[in-house]
Every structure is written in structure tokens, then in C-alpha cells.
Amino acid sequence: DGSCTPVIFYNRQSRTTYVPPDPPAGPCRTVHTVAYGETLSGIAWRYGVTVSQLVAANGLQNPNAVYAGQRLCIP
């Protein structure tokens, strides 16, 4: 779930910048920032948790849609 904030420049150009939300408050063992090309299953394996645990800890709607810069709570 990526929030986006429109950024408007006075020279009549506009861009949309994605601002990663903070991970949910709660018992996070650590916070992982997703790098380009990483998958939820790879991140889960790295930390010794299941994809289901990551999905639940982060309230993810679509476990296939993680993006670079997203911060994930590792339970």
C-alpha cells in the first residue's frame, strides 16, 4: 500500500512521488526497507518468518505488490 503525494512545481510541471508509510506500530523485531527486486518470500526467508506472518504484521492487501523503499515490520 503506497501512499502518493502530488508534488507541484511552479514551472507547470507536476510529478507524483511515492512516500513509503511507516510500518504499523506493534511488536516489530526489526524494520526492513525493501530494495529493488526483492520479494516478500525472499524477505521472509532472510528473517526466518513466513510470508503469512509478514502480511499480517504489515496489513498488506497484496503480498505480490511490495516496492523499493517500502518499510516492513519484521515480527
C-alpha atoms as a PDB file:
ATOM      1  CA  ASP A   1       0.000   0.000   0.000  1.00  0.00           C
ATOM      2  CA  GLY A   2       1.894   3.019  -1.190  1.00  0.00           C
ATOM      3  CA  SER A   3       0.739   6.495  -0.386  1.00  0.00           C
ATOM      4  CA  CYS A   4       1.358   9.051  -3.056  1.00  0.00           C
ATOM      5  CA  THR A   5       1.738  12.747  -2.628  1.00  0.00           C
ATOM      6  CA  PRO A   6       1.456  15.057  -5.632  1.00  0.00           C
ATOM      7  CA  VAL A   7       4.373  17.443  -5.945  1.00  0.00           C
ATOM      8  CA  ILE A   8       3.654  20.596  -7.938  1.00  0.00           C
ATOM      9  CA  PHE A   9       6.405  22.790  -9.317  1.00  0.00           C
ATOM     10  CA  TYR A  10       5.860  26.415 -10.266  1.00  0.00           C
ATOM     11  CA  ASN A  11       7.237  25.852 -13.765  1.00  0.00           C
ATOM     12  CA  ARG A  12       3.980  23.999 -14.597  1.00  0.00           C
ATOM     13  CA  GLN A  13       5.404  20.528 -14.256  1.00  0.00           C
ATOM     14  CA  SER A  14       3.999  18.004 -11.850  1.00  0.00           C
ATOM     15  CA  ARG A  15       5.163  14.656 -10.592  1.00  0.00           C
ATOM     16  CA  THR A  16       3.805  12.042  -8.257  1.00  0.00           C
ATOM     17  CA  THR A  17       6.173  10.993  -5.519  1.00  0.00           C
ATOM     18  CA  TYR A  18       5.596   7.798  -3.568  1.00  0.00           C
ATOM     19  CA  VAL A  19       6.067   8.236   0.144  1.00  0.00           C
ATOM     20  CA  PRO A  20       6.512   4.929   1.966  1.00  0.00           C
ATOM     21  CA  PRO A  21       4.302   4.758   5.037  1.00  0.00           C
ATOM     22  CA  ASP A  22       5.743   3.807   8.383  1.00  0.00           C
ATOM     23  CA  PRO A  23       5.223   0.166   9.327  1.00  0.00           C
ATOM     24  CA  PRO A  24       2.354  -0.444  11.739  1.00  0.00           C
ATOM     25  CA  ALA A  25       3.036   0.124  15.407  1.00  0.00           C
ATOM     26  CA  GLY A  26       3.449  -3.096  17.307  1.00  0.00           C
ATOM     27  CA  PRO A  27       5.956  -5.760  18.203  1.00  0.00           C
ATOM     28  CA  CYS A  28       8.495  -5.436  15.390  1.00  0.00           C
ATOM     29  CA  ARG A  29      11.706  -7.317  15.876  1.00  0.00           C
ATOM     30  CA  THR A  30      13.205  -5.071  13.206  1.00  0.00           C
ATOM     31  CA  VAL A  31      12.184  -2.892  10.268  1.00  0.00           C
ATOM     32  CA  HIS A  32      13.302  -3.873   6.758  1.00  0.00           C
ATOM     33  CA  THR A  33      13.421  -1.410   3.863  1.00  0.00           C
ATOM     34  CA  VAL A  34      12.601  -3.211   0.620  1.00  0.00           C
ATOM     35  CA  ALA A  35      15.282  -2.958  -2.086  1.00  0.00           C
ATOM     36  CA  TYR A  36      14.601  -3.060  -5.821  1.00  0.00           C
ATOM     37  CA  GLY A  37      13.996  -6.653  -6.949  1.00  0.00           C
ATOM     38  CA  GLU A  38      13.247  -8.082  -3.501  1.00  0.00           C
ATOM     39  CA  THR A  39      10.188 -10.255  -2.957  1.00  0.00           C
ATOM     40  CA  LEU A  40       8.158 -10.873   0.152  1.00  0.00           C
ATOM     41  CA  SER A  41       9.128 -14.551   0.105  1.00  0.00           C
ATOM     42  CA  GLY A  42      12.819 -13.664  -0.092  1.00  0.00           C
ATOM     43  CA  ILE A  43      12.497 -11.201   2.772  1.00  0.00           C
ATOM     44  CA  ALA A  44      10.574 -13.765   4.849  1.00  0.00           C
ATOM     45  CA  TRP A  45      13.286 -16.385   4.231  1.00  0.00           C
ATOM     46  CA  ARG A  46      16.031 -13.912   5.170  1.00  0.00           C
ATOM     47  CA  TYR A  47      14.456 -13.238   8.572  1.00  0.00           C
ATOM     48  CA  GLY A  48      13.160 -16.749   9.267  1.00  0.00           C
ATOM     49  CA  VAL A  49       9.464 -15.854   9.205  1.00  0.00           C
ATOM     50  CA  THR A  50       6.628 -16.864   6.888  1.00  0.00           C
ATOM     51  CA  VAL A  51       5.080 -14.734   4.176  1.00  0.00           C
ATOM     52  CA  SER A  52       1.790 -15.005   6.098  1.00  0.00           C
ATOM     53  CA  GLN A  53       3.461 -13.517   9.179  1.00  0.00           C
ATOM     54  CA  LEU A  54       4.816 -10.594   7.139  1.00  0.00           C
ATOM     55  CA  VAL A  55       1.433  -9.995   5.514  1.00  0.00           C
ATOM     56  CA  ALA A  56      -0.315  -9.980   8.908  1.00  0.00           C
ATOM     57  CA  ALA A  57       2.311  -7.813  10.635  1.00  0.00           C
ATOM     58  CA  ASN A  58       2.133  -5.189   7.898  1.00  0.00           C
ATOM     59  CA  GLY A  59      -1.549  -5.314   6.951  1.00  0.00           C
ATOM     60  CA  LEU A  60      -0.663  -5.970   3.313  1.00  0.00           C
ATOM     61  CA  GLN A  61      -3.568  -6.285   0.885  1.00  0.00           C
ATOM     62  CA  ASN A  62      -1.492  -7.844  -1.898  1.00  0.00           C
ATOM     63  CA  PRO A  63       1.631  -9.808  -0.932  1.00  0.00           C
ATOM     64  CA  ASN A  64       2.851  -9.615  -4.537  1.00  0.00           C
ATOM     65  CA  ALA A  65       2.957  -5.822  -4.514  1.00  0.00           C
ATOM     66  CA  VAL A  66       5.915  -4.702  -2.436  1.00  0.00           C
ATOM     67  CA  TYR A  67       8.053  -1.895  -3.799  1.00  0.00           C
ATOM     68  CA  ALA A  68      11.530  -0.461  -3.314  1.00  0.00           C
ATOM     69  CA  GLY A  69      11.631   1.889  -0.355  1.00  0.00           C
ATOM     70  CA  GLN A  70       8.680   0.282   1.418  1.00  0.00           C
ATOM     71  CA  ARG A  71       9.333  -0.299   5.113  1.00  0.00           C
ATOM     72  CA  LEU A  72       8.186  -3.625   6.540  1.00  0.00           C
ATOM     73  CA  CYS A  73       7.775  -4.671  10.148  1.00  0.00           C
ATOM     74  CA  ILE A  74       9.556  -7.983  10.751  1.00  0.00           C
ATOM     75  CA  PRO A  75       7.732  -9.808  13.575  1.00  0.00           C
END
